[in-house]
Amino acid sequence: MTKTFLFSTIILLLSSCATYKALDNSLLEGKMPNNETFILLKTGEVIKGEHISFAKDPGTMAAHREKRKGCWYSWDDWIAIDGKKFKRDSICGYQEGGVNYTYYGCYKARMLRHGKLNLYTYEKMLDARNTLTIFVYQKGSDQCNPKAIYKDLHEFYSTISDNPEAATLCKKLFPILKRYQTDVSLRGILAVVDKYNE
């Protein structure tokens, strides 16, 4: 029994490492071709600069816990570029070091793919020990309204249906298109987005 438990633990650790390695490699591919640093405001204005920093208002942690329903740990009240501060609520996303981020609710999602269809990911804490990888996408230039794939795979499918090859691949990899599908694989979703962006 001890040997079985030890063997299972080793397999679990190896598979976890493989998942993280695949995610890290795909993140490198999501780097933007330019190395600009900027903040994208909800008004569409792009504020360029050299350095981005984040800050929370003092004494607001308890209020955030209530207001953000479990997201308080990832919420910044202010984002500054070269010292010029902007309220977090006024920002769609930002880019620093060639890596682009968008906001999905209170979560900061990092870009995996850039093209006609942009793909982002973030980790959602389920409890003290477990997280769930969430994929968020945007089509076109509307960076302020990303959509989560797990919430509605039907909507994702209809978004990519103007590319028959990508839509066919999506149906093949995810034959049951359902709402709140948490078993969307990294390789599968990357393959579909890459096919769409060809």
C-alpha atoms as a PDB file:
ATOM      1  CA  MET A   1       0.000   0.000   0.000  1.00  0.00           C
ATOM      2  CA  THR A   2       2.835   2.396   0.798  1.00  0.00           C
ATOM      3  CA  LYS A   3       4.482   1.653  -2.568  1.00  0.00           C
ATOM      4  CA  THR A   4       1.207   2.387  -4.400  1.00  0.00           C
ATOM      5  CA  PHE A   5       0.762   5.681  -2.552  1.00  0.00           C
ATOM      6  CA  LEU A   6       4.362   6.742  -3.231  1.00  0.00           C
ATOM      7  CA  PHE A   7       4.063   5.798  -6.929  1.00  0.00           C
ATOM      8  CA  SER A   8       0.799   7.778  -7.246  1.00  0.00           C
ATOM      9  CA  THR A   9       2.381  10.797  -5.589  1.00  0.00           C
ATOM     10  CA  ILE A  10       5.357  10.719  -7.957  1.00  0.00           C
ATOM     11  CA  ILE A  11       3.057  10.483 -11.018  1.00  0.00           C
ATOM     12  CA  LEU A  12       0.954  13.391  -9.700  1.00  0.00           C
ATOM     13  CA  LEU A  13       4.054  15.545  -9.153  1.00  0.00           C
ATOM     14  CA  LEU A  14       5.414  14.740 -12.615  1.00  0.00           C
ATOM     15  CA  SER A  15       2.130  15.559 -14.309  1.00  0.00           C
ATOM     16  CA  SER A  16       1.910  18.837 -12.376  1.00  0.00           C
ATOM     17  CA  CYS A  17       5.422  19.802 -13.500  1.00  0.00           C
ATOM     18  CA  ALA A  18       4.563  18.986 -17.120  1.00  0.00           C
ATOM     19  CA  THR A  19       1.465  21.191 -16.964  1.00  0.00           C
ATOM     20  CA  TYR A  20       3.405  24.135 -15.550  1.00  0.00           C
ATOM     21  CA  LYS A  21       6.204  23.688 -18.100  1.00  0.00           C
ATOM     22  CA  ALA A  22       3.683  23.717 -20.970  1.00  0.00           C
ATOM     23  CA  LEU A  23       2.057  26.829 -19.523  1.00  0.00           C
ATOM     24  CA  ASP A  24       5.422  28.610 -19.134  1.00  0.00           C
ATOM     25  CA  ASN A  25       6.444  27.799 -22.728  1.00  0.00           C
ATOM     26  CA  SER A  26       3.151  29.063 -24.096  1.00  0.00           C
ATOM     27  CA  LEU A  27       3.436  32.268 -22.071  1.00  0.00           C
ATOM     28  CA  LEU A  28       6.701  33.059 -23.814  1.00  0.00           C
ATOM     29  CA  GLU A  29       4.921  32.796 -27.163  1.00  0.00           C
ATOM     30  CA  GLY A  30       2.344  35.316 -25.920  1.00  0.00           C
ATOM     31  CA  LYS A  31       4.898  38.117 -25.657  1.00  0.00           C
ATOM     32  CA  MET A  32       4.092  41.138 -27.757  1.00  0.00           C
ATOM     33  CA  PRO A  33       6.396  42.054 -30.631  1.00  0.00           C
ATOM     34  CA  ASN A  34       7.009  45.488 -29.133  1.00  0.00           C
ATOM     35  CA  ASN A  35       8.461  46.078 -25.698  1.00  0.00           C
ATOM     36  CA  GLU A  36       6.330  49.117 -24.893  1.00  0.00           C
ATOM     37  CA  THR A  37       4.996  49.859 -21.436  1.00  0.00           C
ATOM     38  CA  PHE A  38       1.499  51.309 -21.328  1.00  0.00           C
ATOM     39  CA  ILE A  39      -1.875  51.354 -19.584  1.00  0.00           C
ATOM     40  CA  LEU A  40      -5.092  51.040 -21.606  1.00  0.00           C
ATOM     41  CA  LEU A  41      -7.937  53.087 -20.119  1.00  0.00           C
ATOM     42  CA  LYS A  42     -11.616  52.183 -20.588  1.00  0.00           C
ATOM     43  CA  THR A  43     -11.974  55.386 -22.608  1.00  0.00           C
ATOM     44  CA  GLY A  44      -9.630  53.847 -25.205  1.00  0.00           C
ATOM     45  CA  GLU A  45      -6.773  56.191 -24.317  1.00  0.00           C
ATOM     46  CA  VAL A  46      -3.312  54.593 -24.154  1.00  0.00           C
ATOM     47  CA  ILE A  47      -0.927  56.073 -21.570  1.00  0.00           C
ATOM     48  CA  LYS A  48       2.702  55.205 -22.368  1.00  0.00           C
ATOM     49  CA  GLY A  49       5.581  55.272 -19.932  1.00  0.00           C
ATOM     50  CA  GLU A  50       8.541  53.385 -18.488  1.00  0.00           C
ATOM     51  CA  HIS A  51       7.356  51.664 -15.280  1.00  0.00           C
ATOM     52  CA  ILE A  52       4.052  50.416 -13.848  1.00  0.00           C
ATOM     53  CA  SER A  53       3.349  50.077 -10.124  1.00  0.00           C
ATOM     54  CA  PHE A  54       0.325  49.023  -8.065  1.00  0.00           C
ATOM     55  CA  ALA A  55      -1.125  50.152  -4.727  1.00  0.00           C
ATOM     56  CA  LYS A  56      -4.010  49.418  -2.392  1.00  0.00           C
ATOM     57  CA  ASP A  57      -5.773  52.100  -0.376  1.00  0.00           C
ATOM     58  CA  PRO A  58      -4.836  51.711   3.307  1.00  0.00           C
ATOM     59  CA  GLY A  59      -7.436  50.059   5.519  1.00  0.00           C
ATOM     60  CA  THR A  60      -9.653  48.764   2.731  1.00  0.00           C
ATOM     61  CA  MET A  61      -8.887  45.033   2.903  1.00  0.00           C
ATOM     62  CA  ALA A  62     -12.093  44.168   4.804  1.00  0.00           C
ATOM     63  CA  ALA A  63     -14.178  46.281   2.423  1.00  0.00           C
ATOM     64  CA  HIS A  64     -12.593  44.548  -0.572  1.00  0.00           C
ATOM     65  CA  ARG A  65     -13.333  41.152   0.900  1.00  0.00           C
ATOM     66  CA  GLU A  66     -17.040  42.000   0.871  1.00  0.00           C
ATOM     67  CA  LYS A  67     -17.084  44.046  -2.323  1.00  0.00           C
ATOM     68  CA  ARG A  68     -15.056  41.683  -4.514  1.00  0.00           C
ATOM     69  CA  LYS A  69     -16.504  38.351  -3.318  1.00  0.00           C
ATOM     70  CA  GLY A  70     -13.293  36.423  -2.856  1.00  0.00           C
ATOM     71  CA  CYS A  71     -11.144  38.480  -5.218  1.00  0.00           C
ATOM     72  CA  TRP A  72      -9.894  40.966  -2.659  1.00  0.00           C
ATOM     73  CA  TYR A  73      -6.413  39.436  -2.550  1.00  0.00           C
ATOM     74  CA  SER A  74      -5.794  40.268  -6.223  1.00  0.00           C
ATOM     75  CA  TRP A  75      -7.381  43.678  -6.342  1.00  0.00           C
ATOM     76  CA  ASP A  76      -5.303  46.852  -6.600  1.00  0.00           C
ATOM     77  CA  ASP A  77      -7.031  50.198  -6.019  1.00  0.00           C
ATOM     78  CA  TRP A  78      -4.519  52.177  -8.048  1.00  0.00           C
ATOM     79  CA  ILE A  79      -2.233  51.538 -10.995  1.00  0.00           C
ATOM     80  CA  ALA A  80       0.475  54.084 -11.748  1.00  0.00           C
ATOM     81  CA  ILE A  81       2.657  54.578 -14.783  1.00  0.00           C
ATOM     82  CA  ASP A  82       5.747  56.681 -14.096  1.00  0.00           C
ATOM     83  CA  GLY A  83       4.059  57.955 -10.915  1.00  0.00           C
ATOM     84  CA  LYS A  84       0.797  59.057 -12.601  1.00  0.00           C
ATOM     85  CA  LYS A  85      -1.998  57.221 -10.761  1.00  0.00           C
ATOM     86  CA  PHE A  86      -5.226  55.831 -12.214  1.00  0.00           C
ATOM     87  CA  LYS A  87      -8.120  54.179 -10.377  1.00  0.00           C
ATOM     88  CA  ARG A  88      -8.187  50.450 -11.142  1.00  0.00           C
ATOM     89  CA  ASP A  89     -11.861  50.710 -12.188  1.00  0.00           C
ATOM     90  CA  SER A  90     -10.852  52.988 -15.095  1.00  0.00           C
ATOM     91  CA  ILE A  91      -8.367  50.534 -16.644  1.00  0.00           C
ATOM     92  CA  CYS A  92      -8.909  47.689 -19.151  1.00  0.00           C
ATOM     93  CA  GLY A  93      -5.379  46.346 -19.120  1.00  0.00           C
ATOM     94  CA  TYR A  94      -1.707  47.119 -19.401  1.00  0.00           C
ATOM     95  CA  GLN A  95       1.548  45.947 -20.914  1.00  0.00           C
ATOM     96  CA  GLU A  96       4.997  45.842 -19.332  1.00  0.00           C
ATOM     97  CA  GLY A  97       8.150  44.019 -20.415  1.00  0.00           C
ATOM     98  CA  GLY A  98       6.461  42.856 -23.607  1.00  0.00           C
ATOM     99  CA  VAL A  99       3.790  40.963 -21.637  1.00  0.00           C
ATOM    100  CA  ASN A 100       0.180  42.075 -22.011  1.00  0.00           C
ATOM    101  CA  TYR A 101      -2.464  41.782 -19.274  1.00  0.00           C
ATOM    102  CA  THR A 102      -6.201  42.320 -19.319  1.00  0.00           C
ATOM    103  CA  TYR A 103      -8.641  42.457 -16.436  1.00  0.00           C
ATOM    104  CA  TYR A 104     -11.497  40.010 -16.128  1.00  0.00           C
ATOM    105  CA  GLY A 105     -13.510  41.198 -13.154  1.00  0.00           C
ATOM    106  CA  CYS A 106     -10.968  41.512 -10.368  1.00  0.00           C
ATOM    107  CA  TYR A 107      -8.555  39.033 -11.926  1.00  0.00           C
ATOM    108  CA  LYS A 108      -5.474  39.988 -13.905  1.00  0.00           C
ATOM    109  CA  ALA A 109      -5.116  37.644 -16.899  1.00  0.00           C
ATOM    110  CA  ARG A 110      -1.802  37.214 -18.728  1.00  0.00           C
ATOM    111  CA  MET A 111      -1.705  36.949 -22.510  1.00  0.00           C
ATOM    112  CA  LEU A 112      -0.930  33.552 -24.033  1.00  0.00           C
ATOM    113  CA  ARG A 113      -1.711  34.301 -27.680  1.00  0.00           C
ATOM    114  CA  HIS A 114      -2.017  37.516 -29.698  1.00  0.00           C
ATOM    115  CA  GLY A 115      -3.766  37.793 -33.038  1.00  0.00           C
ATOM    116  CA  LYS A 116      -7.278  38.006 -34.443  1.00  0.00           C
ATOM    117  CA  LEU A 117      -8.258  36.173 -31.250  1.00  0.00           C
ATOM    118  CA  ASN A 118      -6.341  37.036 -28.080  1.00  0.00           C
ATOM    119  CA  LEU A 119      -6.074  34.393 -25.372  1.00  0.00           C
ATOM    120  CA  TYR A 120      -5.293  35.096 -21.712  1.00  0.00           C
ATOM    121  CA  THR A 121      -5.120  32.986 -18.556  1.00  0.00           C
ATOM    122  CA  TYR A 122      -5.334  33.462 -14.800  1.00  0.00           C
ATOM    123  CA  GLU A 123      -5.508  31.247 -11.744  1.00  0.00           C
ATOM    124  CA  LYS A 124      -8.679  31.377  -9.636  1.00  0.00           C
ATOM    125  CA  MET A 125      -8.342  30.270  -6.019  1.00  0.00           C
ATOM    126  CA  LEU A 126     -11.022  27.761  -5.087  1.00  0.00           C
ATOM    127  CA  ASP A 127      -9.843  27.294  -1.520  1.00  0.00           C
ATOM    128  CA  ALA A 128      -6.588  27.367   0.467  1.00  0.00           C
ATOM    129  CA  ARG A 129      -5.096  24.456  -1.530  1.00  0.00           C
ATOM    130  CA  ASN A 130      -6.752  24.430  -4.934  1.00  0.00           C
ATOM    131  CA  THR A 131      -6.726  26.722  -7.950  1.00  0.00           C
ATOM    132  CA  LEU A 132      -8.455  26.560 -11.301  1.00  0.00           C
ATOM    133  CA  THR A 133      -6.843  27.771 -14.530  1.00  0.00           C
ATOM    134  CA  ILE A 134      -9.267  30.026 -16.382  1.00  0.00           C
ATOM    135  CA  PHE A 135      -8.904  31.003 -20.047  1.00  0.00           C
ATOM    136  CA  VAL A 136     -10.218  34.370 -21.195  1.00  0.00           C
ATOM    137  CA  TYR A 137     -10.467  35.528 -24.808  1.00  0.00           C
ATOM    138  CA  GLN A 138     -11.064  38.677 -26.824  1.00  0.00           C
ATOM    139  CA  LYS A 139     -11.791  39.050 -30.497  1.00  0.00           C
ATOM    140  CA  GLY A 140     -10.720  42.160 -32.349  1.00  0.00           C
ATOM    141  CA  SER A 141      -9.728  45.320 -30.559  1.00  0.00           C
ATOM    142  CA  ASP A 142     -12.271  45.174 -27.709  1.00  0.00           C
ATOM    143  CA  GLN A 143      -9.807  44.604 -24.868  1.00  0.00           C
ATOM    144  CA  CYS A 144     -12.234  45.947 -22.257  1.00  0.00           C
ATOM    145  CA  ASN A 145     -14.740  43.081 -22.537  1.00  0.00           C
ATOM    146  CA  PRO A 146     -12.951  39.714 -22.311  1.00  0.00           C
ATOM    147  CA  LYS A 147     -15.040  36.561 -22.001  1.00  0.00           C
ATOM    148  CA  ALA A 148     -14.251  33.411 -20.020  1.00  0.00           C
ATOM    149  CA  ILE A 149     -14.198  30.197 -22.022  1.00  0.00           C
ATOM    150  CA  TYR A 150     -15.310  28.032 -19.109  1.00  0.00           C
ATOM    151  CA  LYS A 151     -18.469  30.095 -18.601  1.00  0.00           C
ATOM    152  CA  ASP A 152     -19.840  29.406 -22.048  1.00  0.00           C
ATOM    153  CA  LEU A 153     -18.046  27.193 -24.555  1.00  0.00           C
ATOM    154  CA  HIS A 154     -21.024  27.687 -26.922  1.00  0.00           C
ATOM    155  CA  GLU A 155     -20.285  31.410 -27.057  1.00  0.00           C
ATOM    156  CA  PHE A 156     -16.580  30.719 -27.703  1.00  0.00           C
ATOM    157  CA  TYR A 157     -17.563  28.321 -30.494  1.00  0.00           C
ATOM    158  CA  SER A 158     -19.855  30.906 -32.108  1.00  0.00           C
ATOM    159  CA  THR A 159     -17.053  33.514 -31.808  1.00  0.00           C
ATOM    160  CA  ILE A 160     -14.682  31.325 -33.846  1.00  0.00           C
ATOM    161  CA  SER A 161     -17.333  29.926 -36.231  1.00  0.00           C
ATOM    162  CA  ASP A 162     -16.268  32.395 -38.961  1.00  0.00           C
ATOM    163  CA  ASN A 163     -13.152  30.185 -39.313  1.00  0.00           C
ATOM    164  CA  PRO A 164     -14.453  26.701 -40.320  1.00  0.00           C
ATOM    165  CA  GLU A 165     -11.140  24.939 -39.589  1.00  0.00           C
ATOM    166  CA  ALA A 166     -10.908  26.354 -36.061  1.00  0.00           C
ATOM    167  CA  ALA A 167     -14.607  25.615 -35.416  1.00  0.00           C
ATOM    168  CA  THR A 168     -14.188  21.989 -36.600  1.00  0.00           C
ATOM    169  CA  LEU A 169     -11.119  21.551 -34.392  1.00  0.00           C
ATOM    170  CA  CYS A 170     -13.008  22.998 -31.416  1.00  0.00           C
ATOM    171  CA  LYS A 171     -15.896  20.541 -31.942  1.00  0.00           C
ATOM    172  CA  LYS A 172     -13.410  17.662 -32.254  1.00  0.00           C
ATOM    173  CA  LEU A 173     -11.452  18.570 -29.100  1.00  0.00           C
ATOM    174  CA  PHE A 174     -14.497  19.611 -27.048  1.00  0.00           C
ATOM    175  CA  PRO A 175     -17.401  17.473 -28.375  1.00  0.00           C
ATOM    176  CA  ILE A 176     -19.714  18.504 -25.555  1.00  0.00           C
ATOM    177  CA  LEU A 177     -20.034  22.280 -25.607  1.00  0.00           C
ATOM    178  CA  LYS A 178     -21.492  23.167 -22.235  1.00  0.00           C
ATOM    179  CA  ARG A 179     -21.667  26.029 -19.798  1.00  0.00           C
ATOM    180  CA  TYR A 180     -19.236  26.071 -16.861  1.00  0.00           C
ATOM    181  CA  GLN A 181     -16.927  23.526 -18.449  1.00  0.00           C
ATOM    182  CA  THR A 182     -13.881  23.320 -16.177  1.00  0.00           C
ATOM    183  CA  ASP A 183     -12.028  20.610 -18.091  1.00  0.00           C
ATOM    184  CA  VAL A 184     -10.842  22.832 -20.955  1.00  0.00           C
ATOM    185  CA  SER A 185      -7.270  21.699 -21.615  1.00  0.00           C
ATOM    186  CA  LEU A 186      -4.378  24.071 -22.258  1.00  0.00           C
ATOM    187  CA  ARG A 187      -3.177  22.197 -25.347  1.00  0.00           C
ATOM    188  CA  GLY A 188      -6.687  21.987 -26.777  1.00  0.00           C
ATOM    189  CA  ILE A 189      -7.530  25.651 -26.369  1.00  0.00           C
ATOM    190  CA  LEU A 190      -4.099  26.735 -27.671  1.00  0.00           C
ATOM    191  CA  ALA A 191      -4.560  24.528 -30.754  1.00  0.00           C
ATOM    192  CA  VAL A 192      -7.963  26.084 -31.494  1.00  0.00           C
ATOM    193  CA  VAL A 193      -6.734  29.668 -31.001  1.00  0.00           C
ATOM    194  CA  ASP A 194      -3.592  29.023 -33.076  1.00  0.00           C
ATOM    195  CA  LYS A 195      -5.729  27.572 -35.890  1.00  0.00           C
ATOM    196  CA  TYR A 196      -8.013  30.613 -35.731  1.00  0.00           C
ATOM    197  CA  ASN A 197      -5.066  33.026 -35.844  1.00  0.00           C
ATOM    198  CA  GLU A 198      -3.358  31.371 -38.877  1.00  0.00           C
END
